[in-house]
C-alpha atoms as a PDB file:
ATOM      1  CA  UNK A   1       0.000   0.000   0.000  1.00  0.00           C
ATOM      2  CA  UNK A   2       1.667   3.241  -1.107  1.00  0.00           C
ATOM      3  CA  UNK A   3      -0.909   5.891  -0.300  1.00  0.00           C
ATOM      4  CA  UNK A   4       0.686   9.286   0.399  1.00  0.00           C
ATOM      5  CA  UNK A   5       4.049   7.921  -0.666  1.00  0.00           C
ATOM      6  CA  UNK A   6       4.782   5.897   2.480  1.00  0.00           C
ATOM      7  CA  UNK A   7       3.611   2.650   4.038  1.00  0.00           C
ATOM      8  CA  UNK A   8       1.506   2.629   7.147  1.00  0.00           C
ATOM      9  CA  UNK A   9       3.385   1.605  10.285  1.00  0.00           C
ATOM     10  CA  UNK A  10       2.070   0.578  13.697  1.00  0.00           C
ATOM     11  CA  UNK A  11       0.470   3.214  15.928  1.00  0.00           C
ATOM     12  CA  UNK A  12       2.442   3.348  19.160  1.00  0.00           C
ATOM     13  CA  UNK A  13       0.190   4.921  21.773  1.00  0.00           C
ATOM     14  CA  UNK A  14       0.618   2.643  24.799  1.00  0.00           C
ATOM     15  CA  UNK A  15      -2.308   1.359  26.825  1.00  0.00           C
ATOM     16  CA  UNK A  16      -1.025   3.188  29.882  1.00  0.00           C
ATOM     17  CA  UNK A  17      -0.824   6.434  27.949  1.00  0.00           C
ATOM     18  CA  UNK A  18      -4.366   5.881  26.723  1.00  0.00           C
ATOM     19  CA  UNK A  19      -5.678   5.457  30.291  1.00  0.00           C
ATOM     20  CA  UNK A  20      -3.734   8.545  31.351  1.00  0.00           C
ATOM     21  CA  UNK A  21      -5.477  10.477  28.597  1.00  0.00           C
ATOM     22  CA  UNK A  22      -8.849   9.180  29.709  1.00  0.00           C
ATOM     23  CA  UNK A  23      -8.220  10.300  33.278  1.00  0.00           C
ATOM     24  CA  UNK A  24      -7.177  13.737  32.093  1.00  0.00           C
ATOM     25  CA  UNK A  25     -10.419  14.364  30.216  1.00  0.00           C
ATOM     26  CA  UNK A  26     -12.782  13.037  32.872  1.00  0.00           C
ATOM     27  CA  UNK A  27     -11.698  14.642  36.146  1.00  0.00           C
ATOM     28  CA  UNK A  28     -15.345  15.227  37.127  1.00  0.00           C
ATOM     29  CA  UNK A  29     -16.223  11.521  37.004  1.00  0.00           C
ATOM     30  CA  UNK A  30     -15.723   9.523  40.212  1.00  0.00           C
ATOM     31  CA  UNK A  31     -14.392   5.960  40.173  1.00  0.00           C
ATOM     32  CA  UNK A  32     -17.786   4.654  41.289  1.00  0.00           C
ATOM     33  CA  UNK A  33     -19.636   6.571  38.549  1.00  0.00           C
ATOM     34  CA  UNK A  34     -17.162   5.418  35.947  1.00  0.00           C
ATOM     35  CA  UNK A  35     -17.607   1.775  36.985  1.00  0.00           C
ATOM     36  CA  UNK A  36     -21.399   2.088  36.533  1.00  0.00           C
ATOM     37  CA  UNK A  37     -21.049   3.979  33.308  1.00  0.00           C
ATOM     38  CA  UNK A  38     -18.501   1.615  31.815  1.00  0.00           C
ATOM     39  CA  UNK A  39     -20.535  -1.483  32.655  1.00  0.00           C
ATOM     40  CA  UNK A  40     -23.513  -0.033  30.764  1.00  0.00           C
ATOM     41  CA  UNK A  41     -21.186   1.028  27.969  1.00  0.00           C
ATOM     42  CA  UNK A  42     -19.847  -2.513  27.515  1.00  0.00           C
ATOM     43  CA  UNK A  43     -23.383  -3.888  27.406  1.00  0.00           C
ATOM     44  CA  UNK A  44     -24.369  -1.245  24.833  1.00  0.00           C
ATOM     45  CA  UNK A  45     -21.451  -2.230  22.584  1.00  0.00           C
ATOM     46  CA  UNK A  46     -22.726  -5.832  22.501  1.00  0.00           C
ATOM     47  CA  UNK A  47     -26.463  -5.008  22.224  1.00  0.00           C
ATOM     48  CA  UNK A  48     -28.002  -5.763  18.808  1.00  0.00           C
ATOM     49  CA  UNK A  49     -31.336  -3.971  19.201  1.00  0.00           C
ATOM     50  CA  UNK A  50     -30.720  -0.366  18.072  1.00  0.00           C
ATOM     51  CA  UNK A  51     -33.357   1.107  20.377  1.00  0.00           C
ATOM     52  CA  UNK A  52     -31.900  -0.577  23.442  1.00  0.00           C
ATOM     53  CA  UNK A  53     -28.367   0.162  22.263  1.00  0.00           C
ATOM     54  CA  UNK A  54     -29.145   3.873  21.959  1.00  0.00           C
ATOM     55  CA  UNK A  55     -30.770   4.064  25.403  1.00  0.00           C
ATOM     56  CA  UNK A  56     -27.896   2.208  27.061  1.00  0.00           C
ATOM     57  CA  UNK A  57     -25.275   4.434  25.458  1.00  0.00           C
ATOM     58  CA  UNK A  58     -27.128   7.580  26.492  1.00  0.00           C
ATOM     59  CA  UNK A  59     -27.575   6.334  30.061  1.00  0.00           C
ATOM     60  CA  UNK A  60     -23.879   5.481  30.279  1.00  0.00           C
ATOM     61  CA  UNK A  61     -22.903   8.920  28.980  1.00  0.00           C
ATOM     62  CA  UNK A  62     -25.332  10.648  31.370  1.00  0.00           C
ATOM     63  CA  UNK A  63     -23.668   8.966  34.351  1.00  0.00           C
ATOM     64  CA  UNK A  64     -20.135   9.782  33.239  1.00  0.00           C
ATOM     65  CA  UNK A  65     -19.995  12.244  30.328  1.00  0.00           C
ATOM     66  CA  UNK A  66     -16.943  13.179  28.274  1.00  0.00           C
ATOM     67  CA  UNK A  67     -14.828  10.135  29.076  1.00  0.00           C
ATOM     68  CA  UNK A  68     -12.123   9.421  26.507  1.00  0.00           C
ATOM     69  CA  UNK A  69     -12.334   5.651  26.809  1.00  0.00           C
ATOM     70  CA  UNK A  70     -15.890   5.909  25.432  1.00  0.00           C
ATOM     71  CA  UNK A  71     -14.774   7.515  22.168  1.00  0.00           C
ATOM     72  CA  UNK A  72     -15.789   4.474  20.139  1.00  0.00           C
ATOM     73  CA  UNK A  73     -19.290   4.584  21.657  1.00  0.00           C
ATOM     74  CA  UNK A  74     -19.723   8.241  20.782  1.00  0.00           C
ATOM     75  CA  UNK A  75     -18.935   7.331  17.162  1.00  0.00           C
ATOM     76  CA  UNK A  76     -21.336   4.381  17.125  1.00  0.00           C
ATOM     77  CA  UNK A  77     -24.129   6.435  18.692  1.00  0.00           C
ATOM     78  CA  UNK A  78     -23.507   9.309  16.292  1.00  0.00           C
ATOM     79  CA  UNK A  79     -23.776   6.936  13.355  1.00  0.00           C
ATOM     80  CA  UNK A  80     -27.060   5.542  14.711  1.00  0.00           C
ATOM     81  CA  UNK A  81     -28.508   9.069  14.913  1.00  0.00           C
ATOM     82  CA  UNK A  82     -27.153   9.863  11.428  1.00  0.00           C
ATOM     83  CA  UNK A  83     -28.851   6.831   9.912  1.00  0.00           C
ATOM     84  CA  UNK A  84     -32.073   7.696  11.767  1.00  0.00           C
ATOM     85  CA  UNK A  85     -32.005  11.198  10.270  1.00  0.00           C
ATOM     86  CA  UNK A  86     -31.510  12.997  13.630  1.00  0.00           C
ATOM     87  CA  UNK A  87     -28.699  15.234  12.433  1.00  0.00           C
ATOM     88  CA  UNK A  88     -28.532  17.459  15.509  1.00  0.00           C
ATOM     89  CA  UNK A  89     -27.883  14.534  17.858  1.00  0.00           C
ATOM     90  CA  UNK A  90     -25.555  12.947  15.303  1.00  0.00           C
ATOM     91  CA  UNK A  91     -23.481  16.138  15.206  1.00  0.00           C
ATOM     92  CA  UNK A  92     -23.267  16.287  19.003  1.00  0.00           C
ATOM     93  CA  UNK A  93     -22.092  12.707  19.442  1.00  0.00           C
ATOM     94  CA  UNK A  94     -19.705  12.702  16.474  1.00  0.00           C
ATOM     95  CA  UNK A  95     -18.039  15.897  17.710  1.00  0.00           C
ATOM     96  CA  UNK A  96     -17.525  14.152  21.057  1.00  0.00           C
ATOM     97  CA  UNK A  97     -15.909  11.200  19.271  1.00  0.00           C
ATOM     98  CA  UNK A  98     -13.650  13.526  17.279  1.00  0.00           C
ATOM     99  CA  UNK A  99     -12.657  15.370  20.453  1.00  0.00           C
ATOM    100  CA  UNK A 100     -10.955  12.170  21.598  1.00  0.00           C
ATOM    101  CA  UNK A 101      -9.357  11.555  18.211  1.00  0.00           C
ATOM    102  CA  UNK A 102      -6.000  10.447  19.661  1.00  0.00           C
ATOM    103  CA  UNK A 103      -7.762   7.598  21.482  1.00  0.00           C
ATOM    104  CA  UNK A 104     -10.163   6.794  18.627  1.00  0.00           C
ATOM    105  CA  UNK A 105      -7.205   6.713  16.229  1.00  0.00           C
ATOM    106  CA  UNK A 106      -5.574   4.036  18.369  1.00  0.00           C
ATOM    107  CA  UNK A 107      -8.761   1.977  18.492  1.00  0.00           C
ATOM    108  CA  UNK A 108      -9.782   2.261  14.845  1.00  0.00           C
ATOM    109  CA  UNK A 109      -8.534   4.332  11.915  1.00  0.00           C
ATOM    110  CA  UNK A 110     -11.699   3.506   9.996  1.00  0.00           C
ATOM    111  CA  UNK A 111     -13.941   4.807  12.804  1.00  0.00           C
ATOM    112  CA  UNK A 112     -12.057   8.099  12.930  1.00  0.00           C
ATOM    113  CA  UNK A 113     -12.198   8.396   9.137  1.00  0.00           C
ATOM    114  CA  UNK A 114     -15.963   7.754   9.171  1.00  0.00           C
ATOM    115  CA  UNK A 115     -16.495  10.191  12.063  1.00  0.00           C
ATOM    116  CA  UNK A 116     -14.900  12.975  10.045  1.00  0.00           C
ATOM    117  CA  UNK A 117     -16.677  12.025   6.819  1.00  0.00           C
ATOM    118  CA  UNK A 118     -20.062  12.259   8.556  1.00  0.00           C
ATOM    119  CA  UNK A 119     -19.104  15.542  10.239  1.00  0.00           C
ATOM    120  CA  UNK A 120     -18.104  16.850   6.818  1.00  0.00           C
ATOM    121  CA  UNK A 121     -21.529  15.927   5.462  1.00  0.00           C
ATOM    122  CA  UNK A 122     -23.291  17.563   8.435  1.00  0.00           C
ATOM    123  CA  UNK A 123     -21.354  20.817   8.189  1.00  0.00           C
ATOM    124  CA  UNK A 124     -21.921  20.800   4.418  1.00  0.00           C
ATOM    125  CA  UNK A 125     -25.686  20.527   5.052  1.00  0.00           C
ATOM    126  CA  UNK A 126     -25.409  23.462   7.468  1.00  0.00           C
ATOM    127  CA  UNK A 127     -23.643  25.582   4.833  1.00  0.00           C
ATOM    128  CA  UNK A 128     -20.315  25.719   6.704  1.00  0.00           C
ATOM    129  CA  UNK A 129     -17.888  25.026   3.849  1.00  0.00           C
ATOM    130  CA  UNK A 130     -14.783  25.673   5.932  1.00  0.00           C
ATOM    131  CA  UNK A 131     -15.559  23.106   8.623  1.00  0.00           C
ATOM    132  CA  UNK A 132     -16.864  20.657   6.036  1.00  0.00           C
ATOM    133  CA  UNK A 133     -13.577  20.966   4.153  1.00  0.00           C
ATOM    134  CA  UNK A 134     -11.551  20.376   7.300  1.00  0.00           C
ATOM    135  CA  UNK A 135     -13.394  17.175   8.199  1.00  0.00           C
ATOM    136  CA  UNK A 136     -13.444  15.830   4.630  1.00  0.00           C
ATOM    137  CA  UNK A 137      -9.676  16.258   4.374  1.00  0.00           C
ATOM    138  CA  UNK A 138      -9.125  14.465   7.672  1.00  0.00           C
ATOM    139  CA  UNK A 139     -11.389  11.621   6.562  1.00  0.00           C
ATOM    140  CA  UNK A 140      -9.624  11.247   3.243  1.00  0.00           C
ATOM    141  CA  UNK A 141      -6.167  11.256   4.819  1.00  0.00           C
ATOM    142  CA  UNK A 142      -7.163   8.305   7.010  1.00  0.00           C
ATOM    143  CA  UNK A 143      -9.305   6.473   4.467  1.00  0.00           C
ATOM    144  CA  UNK A 144      -6.432   6.420   1.984  1.00  0.00           C
ATOM    145  CA  UNK A 145      -4.543   4.100   4.313  1.00  0.00           C
ATOM    146  CA  UNK A 146      -7.440   1.647   4.178  1.00  0.00           C
ATOM    147  CA  UNK A 147      -8.153   1.451   0.455  1.00  0.00           C
ATOM    148  CA  UNK A 148      -5.674   0.337  -2.195  1.00  0.00           C
ATOM    149  CA  UNK A 149      -7.740   2.204  -4.787  1.00  0.00           C
ATOM    150  CA  UNK A 150      -9.324   5.462  -3.719  1.00  0.00           C
ATOM    151  CA  UNK A 151     -12.989   5.940  -4.433  1.00  0.00           C
ATOM    152  CA  UNK A 152     -13.894   8.695  -6.874  1.00  0.00           C
ATOM    153  CA  UNK A 153     -16.063  10.549  -4.343  1.00  0.00           C
ATOM    154  CA  UNK A 154     -13.097  10.915  -1.993  1.00  0.00           C
ATOM    155  CA  UNK A 155     -11.082  12.584  -4.740  1.00  0.00           C
ATOM    156  CA  UNK A 156     -14.059  14.787  -5.595  1.00  0.00           C
ATOM    157  CA  UNK A 157     -14.449  15.907  -1.972  1.00  0.00           C
ATOM    158  CA  UNK A 158     -10.779  16.764  -1.659  1.00  0.00           C
ATOM    159  CA  UNK A 159     -10.767  18.548  -5.011  1.00  0.00           C
ATOM    160  CA  UNK A 160     -13.795  20.656  -4.046  1.00  0.00           C
ATOM    161  CA  UNK A 161     -12.207  21.512  -0.684  1.00  0.00           C
ATOM    162  CA  UNK A 162      -9.181  23.102  -2.363  1.00  0.00           C
ATOM    163  CA  UNK A 163     -10.965  26.419  -2.830  1.00  0.00           C
ATOM    164  CA  UNK A 164     -11.710  26.843   0.890  1.00  0.00           C
ATOM    165  CA  UNK A 165      -9.396  29.254   2.742  1.00  0.00           C
ATOM    166  CA  UNK A 166      -9.280  28.541   6.468  1.00  0.00           C
ATOM    167  CA  UNK A 167      -9.722  31.404   8.937  1.00  0.00           C
ATOM    168  CA  UNK A 168      -7.007  32.067  11.565  1.00  0.00           C
ATOM    169  CA  UNK A 169      -9.213  30.432  14.202  1.00  0.00           C
ATOM    170  CA  UNK A 170      -9.627  27.257  12.174  1.00  0.00           C
ATOM    171  CA  UNK A 171      -5.907  27.088  11.392  1.00  0.00           C
ATOM    172  CA  UNK A 172      -5.118  27.437  15.100  1.00  0.00           C
ATOM    173  CA  UNK A 173      -7.339  24.444  15.836  1.00  0.00           C
ATOM    174  CA  UNK A 174      -5.948  22.456  12.897  1.00  0.00           C
ATOM    175  CA  UNK A 175      -2.327  22.901  13.955  1.00  0.00           C
ATOM    176  CA  UNK A 176      -2.991  22.336  17.669  1.00  0.00           C
ATOM    177  CA  UNK A 177      -3.131  18.547  17.323  1.00  0.00           C
ATOM    178  CA  UNK A 178      -2.526  16.616  20.573  1.00  0.00           C
ATOM    179  CA  UNK A 179       1.057  15.490  21.134  1.00  0.00           C
ATOM    180  CA  UNK A 180      -0.285  11.997  21.811  1.00  0.00           C
ATOM    181  CA  UNK A 181      -0.976  11.578  18.096  1.00  0.00           C
ATOM    182  CA  UNK A 182       2.186  10.107  16.490  1.00  0.00           C
ATOM    183  CA  UNK A 183       4.090  12.295  14.043  1.00  0.00           C
ATOM    184  CA  UNK A 184       3.180   9.905  11.245  1.00  0.00           C
ATOM    185  CA  UNK A 185      -0.482  10.814  11.684  1.00  0.00           C
ATOM    186  CA  UNK A 186      -0.043  14.392  12.853  1.00  0.00           C
ATOM    187  CA  UNK A 187       1.472  15.151   9.444  1.00  0.00           C
ATOM    188  CA  UNK A 188      -1.874  14.140   7.914  1.00  0.00           C
ATOM    189  CA  UNK A 189      -4.360  15.390  10.532  1.00  0.00           C
ATOM    190  CA  UNK A 190      -2.725  18.624  11.771  1.00  0.00           C
ATOM    191  CA  UNK A 191      -1.835  20.246   8.484  1.00  0.00           C
ATOM    192  CA  UNK A 192      -2.852  22.716   5.841  1.00  0.00           C
ATOM    193  CA  UNK A 193      -2.016  22.837   2.123  1.00  0.00           C
ATOM    194  CA  UNK A 194      -0.998  25.692  -0.171  1.00  0.00           C
ATOM    195  CA  UNK A 195      -1.600  24.866  -3.837  1.00  0.00           C
ATOM    196  CA  UNK A 196       0.397  25.964  -6.898  1.00  0.00           C
ATOM    197  CA  UNK A 197      -0.119  26.229 -10.637  1.00  0.00           C
ATOM    198  CA  UNK A 198       1.624  23.819 -12.999  1.00  0.00           C
ATOM    199  CA  UNK A 199       5.410  24.316 -13.259  1.00  0.00           C
ATOM    200  CA  UNK A 200       5.235  27.311 -10.892  1.00  0.00           C
ATOM    201  CA  UNK A 201       6.563  28.134  -7.425  1.00  0.00           C
ATOM    202  CA  UNK A 202       4.842  31.522  -7.286  1.00  0.00           C
ATOM    203  CA  UNK A 203       2.206  32.017  -4.597  1.00  0.00           C
ATOM    204  CA  UNK A 204      -1.178  33.051  -5.958  1.00  0.00           C
ATOM    205  CA  UNK A 205      -3.751  35.235  -4.185  1.00  0.00           C
ATOM    206  CA  UNK A 206      -5.406  32.284  -2.422  1.00  0.00           C
ATOM    207  CA  UNK A 207      -2.043  30.950  -1.226  1.00  0.00           C
ATOM    208  CA  UNK A 208      -1.011  34.330   0.178  1.00  0.00           C
ATOM    209  CA  UNK A 209      -4.355  34.711   1.952  1.00  0.00           C
ATOM    210  CA  UNK A 210      -3.970  31.268   3.547  1.00  0.00           C
ATOM    211  CA  UNK A 211      -0.456  32.158   4.720  1.00  0.00           C
ATOM    212  CA  UNK A 212      -1.634  35.519   6.088  1.00  0.00           C
ATOM    213  CA  UNK A 213      -4.273  33.673   8.111  1.00  0.00           C
ATOM    214  CA  UNK A 214      -1.643  31.161   9.223  1.00  0.00           C
ATOM    215  CA  UNK A 215       0.598  33.964  10.477  1.00  0.00           C
ATOM    216  CA  UNK A 216      -2.303  35.382  12.465  1.00  0.00           C
ATOM    217  CA  UNK A 217      -2.994  31.959  13.997  1.00  0.00           C
ATOM    218  CA  UNK A 218       0.663  31.420  14.913  1.00  0.00           C
ATOM    219  CA  UNK A 219       0.717  34.592  17.023  1.00  0.00           C
ATOM    220  CA  UNK A 220      -1.066  32.604  19.717  1.00  0.00           C
ATOM    221  CA  UNK A 221       1.303  31.864  22.599  1.00  0.00           C
ATOM    222  CA  UNK A 222       0.382  28.170  22.527  1.00  0.00           C
ATOM    223  CA  UNK A 223       2.641  27.811  19.455  1.00  0.00           C
ATOM    224  CA  UNK A 224       5.705  29.332  21.151  1.00  0.00           C
ATOM    225  CA  UNK A 225       8.654  27.011  20.600  1.00  0.00           C
ATOM    226  CA  UNK A 226       6.867  24.860  18.012  1.00  0.00           C
ATOM    227  CA  UNK A 227       8.524  23.455  14.902  1.00  0.00           C
ATOM    228  CA  UNK A 228       6.543  23.735  11.663  1.00  0.00           C
ATOM    229  CA  UNK A 229       7.413  21.394   8.818  1.00  0.00           C
ATOM    230  CA  UNK A 230       7.191  22.931   5.341  1.00  0.00           C
ATOM    231  CA  UNK A 231       6.998  20.178   2.693  1.00  0.00           C
ATOM    232  CA  UNK A 232       7.425  20.991  -0.991  1.00  0.00           C
ATOM    233  CA  UNK A 233       5.546  18.697  -3.412  1.00  0.00           C
ATOM    234  CA  UNK A 234       4.885  18.380  -7.142  1.00  0.00           C
ATOM    235  CA  UNK A 235       2.658  16.259  -9.353  1.00  0.00           C
ATOM    236  CA  UNK A 236       4.007  13.062 -10.924  1.00  0.00           C
ATOM    237  CA  UNK A 237       4.209  14.386 -14.478  1.00  0.00           C
ATOM    238  CA  UNK A 238       7.527  15.200 -16.107  1.00  0.00           C
ATOM    239  CA  UNK A 239      11.181  14.759 -15.164  1.00  0.00           C
ATOM    240  CA  UNK A 240      11.945  13.638 -11.587  1.00  0.00           C
ATOM    241  CA  UNK A 241      15.032  15.834 -11.293  1.00  0.00           C
ATOM    242  CA  UNK A 242      13.085  18.901 -12.419  1.00  0.00           C
ATOM    243  CA  UNK A 243      10.315  18.057  -9.950  1.00  0.00           C
ATOM    244  CA  UNK A 244      12.858  17.880  -7.135  1.00  0.00           C
ATOM    245  CA  UNK A 245      14.002  21.402  -7.935  1.00  0.00           C
ATOM    246  CA  UNK A 246      10.396  22.604  -8.169  1.00  0.00           C
ATOM    247  CA  UNK A 247       9.454  21.036  -4.833  1.00  0.00           C
ATOM    248  CA  UNK A 248      12.367  22.818  -3.158  1.00  0.00           C
ATOM    249  CA  UNK A 249      11.419  26.138  -4.786  1.00  0.00           C
ATOM    250  CA  UNK A 250       7.823  25.867  -3.549  1.00  0.00           C
ATOM    251  CA  UNK A 251       8.888  25.156   0.040  1.00  0.00           C
ATOM    252  CA  UNK A 252      11.396  28.027  -0.083  1.00  0.00           C
ATOM    253  CA  UNK A 253       8.734  30.410  -1.452  1.00  0.00           C
ATOM    254  CA  UNK A 254       6.432  29.662   1.486  1.00  0.00           C
ATOM    255  CA  UNK A 255       9.187  30.069   4.102  1.00  0.00           C
ATOM    256  CA  UNK A 256      10.313  33.327   2.484  1.00  0.00           C
ATOM    257  CA  UNK A 257       6.760  34.700   2.562  1.00  0.00           C
ATOM    258  CA  UNK A 258       6.312  33.730   6.218  1.00  0.00           C
ATOM    259  CA  UNK A 259       9.641  35.271   7.226  1.00  0.00           C
ATOM    260  CA  UNK A 260       9.084  38.456   5.219  1.00  0.00           C
ATOM    261  CA  UNK A 261       5.680  39.088   6.760  1.00  0.00           C
ATOM    262  CA  UNK A 262       6.455  38.287  10.397  1.00  0.00           C
ATOM    263  CA  UNK A 263       9.557  39.886  11.866  1.00  0.00           C
ATOM    264  CA  UNK A 264       9.539  38.173  15.272  1.00  0.00           C
ATOM    265  CA  UNK A 265       8.274  34.633  14.880  1.00  0.00           C
ATOM    266  CA  UNK A 266       8.264  32.395  17.964  1.00  0.00           C
ATOM    267  CA  UNK A 267       8.024  29.262  15.834  1.00  0.00           C
ATOM    268  CA  UNK A 268      10.751  27.701  13.716  1.00  0.00           C
ATOM    269  CA  UNK A 269      10.447  26.326  10.200  1.00  0.00           C
ATOM    270  CA  UNK A 270      12.019  23.183   8.733  1.00  0.00           C
ATOM    271  CA  UNK A 271      11.788  22.509   5.003  1.00  0.00           C
ATOM    272  CA  UNK A 272      11.500  19.024   3.515  1.00  0.00           C
ATOM    273  CA  UNK A 273      11.703  18.571  -0.248  1.00  0.00           C
ATOM    274  CA  UNK A 274       9.499  15.688  -1.374  1.00  0.00           C
ATOM    275  CA  UNK A 275       9.384  16.366  -5.108  1.00  0.00           C
ATOM    276  CA  UNK A 276       6.911  14.001  -6.752  1.00  0.00           C
ATOM    277  CA  UNK A 277       7.471  11.139  -4.311  1.00  0.00           C
ATOM    278  CA  UNK A 278       4.741  11.768  -1.706  1.00  0.00           C
ATOM    279  CA  UNK A 279       1.533  12.540  -3.593  1.00  0.00           C
ATOM    280  CA  UNK A 280      -1.777  13.035  -1.810  1.00  0.00           C
ATOM    281  CA  UNK A 281      -3.173  10.664  -4.413  1.00  0.00           C
ATOM    282  CA  UNK A 282      -0.916   8.766  -6.803  1.00  0.00           C
ATOM    283  CA  UNK A 283      -1.639   8.249 -10.472  1.00  0.00           C
ATOM    284  CA  UNK A 284      -1.162   4.536  -9.835  1.00  0.00           C
ATOM    285  CA  UNK A 285      -4.280   4.559  -7.637  1.00  0.00           C
ATOM    286  CA  UNK A 286      -6.610   6.018 -10.243  1.00  0.00           C
ATOM    287  CA  UNK A 287      -7.760   5.802 -13.829  1.00  0.00           C
ATOM    288  CA  UNK A 288      -6.019   8.102 -16.315  1.00  0.00           C
ATOM    289  CA  UNK A 289      -9.215  10.171 -16.626  1.00  0.00           C
ATOM    290  CA  UNK A 290      -8.610  11.376 -13.055  1.00  0.00           C
ATOM    291  CA  UNK A 291      -4.957  12.345 -13.509  1.00  0.00           C
ATOM    292  CA  UNK A 292      -5.562  16.017 -14.301  1.00  0.00           C
ATOM    293  CA  UNK A 293      -7.543  16.396 -11.067  1.00  0.00           C
ATOM    294  CA  UNK A 294      -5.089  14.590  -8.821  1.00  0.00           C
ATOM    295  CA  UNK A 295      -2.144  16.451 -10.372  1.00  0.00           C
ATOM    296  CA  UNK A 296      -3.845  19.638  -9.177  1.00  0.00           C
ATOM    297  CA  UNK A 297      -4.069  18.205  -5.654  1.00  0.00           C
ATOM    298  CA  UNK A 298      -0.418  17.179  -5.616  1.00  0.00           C
ATOM    299  CA  UNK A 299       1.062  20.562  -6.653  1.00  0.00           C
ATOM    300  CA  UNK A 300       1.307  21.890  -3.128  1.00  0.00           C
ATOM    301  CA  UNK A 301       3.210  22.815  -0.006  1.00  0.00           C
ATOM    302  CA  UNK A 302       2.001  21.022   3.115  1.00  0.00           C
ATOM    303  CA  UNK A 303       2.501  22.739   6.482  1.00  0.00           C
ATOM    304  CA  UNK A 304       2.161  20.800   9.738  1.00  0.00           C
ATOM    305  CA  UNK A 305       3.083  21.119  13.388  1.00  0.00           C
ATOM    306  CA  UNK A 306       5.744  18.676  14.653  1.00  0.00           C
ATOM    307  CA  UNK A 307       5.478  19.913  18.262  1.00  0.00           C
ATOM    308  CA  UNK A 308       7.913  21.508  20.702  1.00  0.00           C
ATOM    309  CA  UNK A 309      10.862  19.148  20.229  1.00  0.00           C
ATOM    310  CA  UNK A 310      13.252  19.750  17.355  1.00  0.00           C
ATOM    311  CA  UNK A 311      12.576  17.161  14.626  1.00  0.00           C
ATOM    312  CA  UNK A 312      15.237  14.473  14.287  1.00  0.00           C
ATOM    313  CA  UNK A 313      14.183  13.316  10.813  1.00  0.00           C
ATOM    314  CA  UNK A 314      14.427   9.709  11.916  1.00  0.00           C
ATOM    315  CA  UNK A 315      10.662   9.384  11.624  1.00  0.00           C
ATOM    316  CA  UNK A 316       9.505   8.443   8.117  1.00  0.00           C
ATOM    317  CA  UNK A 317       7.060  11.351   8.037  1.00  0.00           C
ATOM    318  CA  UNK A 318      10.012  13.749   8.453  1.00  0.00           C
ATOM    319  CA  UNK A 319      12.571  11.891   6.398  1.00  0.00           C
ATOM    320  CA  UNK A 320      13.795  13.821   3.357  1.00  0.00           C
ATOM    321  CA  UNK A 321      13.454  12.057   0.024  1.00  0.00           C
ATOM    322  CA  UNK A 322      16.914  10.780  -0.926  1.00  0.00           C
ATOM    323  CA  UNK A 323      16.277  11.306  -4.625  1.00  0.00           C
ATOM    324  CA  UNK A 324      15.736  15.013  -4.017  1.00  0.00           C
ATOM    325  CA  UNK A 325      18.474  15.684  -1.429  1.00  0.00           C
END
């Protein structure tokens, strides 16, 4: 499986770390309440009757709300409400599931992908294109690990999301991914993309607006000391050596714009030149009729937050492409 140019490796959030996370997000729930809640929760997971299943989940969540270890249940309940046409309740429960995305990611990539796909649909129905775009992109990043051949509607959703420019507030939330999410996934979930025209490293109006909003978001003190990875990418058409040079030029153009428009940054930038070797969607995954669309997706710079520790580049998601370096 070569989605996004790299093979999926094991997720390494330990069980003890997971329980620590759960405790952190449920300080208001006593041990006795949690025991009652969790017993009902386990029964709800096994229950086949949807009516009973729904009531048991809700009772469990009423006793001990907002507990991270119940992330899977919030997803399952949200999906039940979605299929029943109760979109308000579906939104509420799916947002709870997505809140505990580090835990849900450990339990099931497919559940987290589906949570974000459904949230994308709900925000799309509500006319919120920005939030819909954010959740669709998250869903597609995860779903691509599951499917050897991407479905056409996933490509369509991503392609349509390209025109959405995130506000500073949204970018702050996007880049503030929990440290418990491994770098391998943070580079897909906590990121934003700047797109380029064919054979060009010049920023267009939309790209500059996205970077202006990014600069505004990064002024927040929570980013102080963070390392942002700036990845330069190209499509898969043309000469590999030329694409390596173009990928480097695109990354450099973004860093230059950020530095020129913010004199006292409290974040640091690291550039990685990926050339054509880490596409969002590869030509090998699609029919030739789709190549023009996916080439447009792949001509980009991806920006993501690696956290407060200086990157070592030993992780595959940070490793420079040897052919381009």
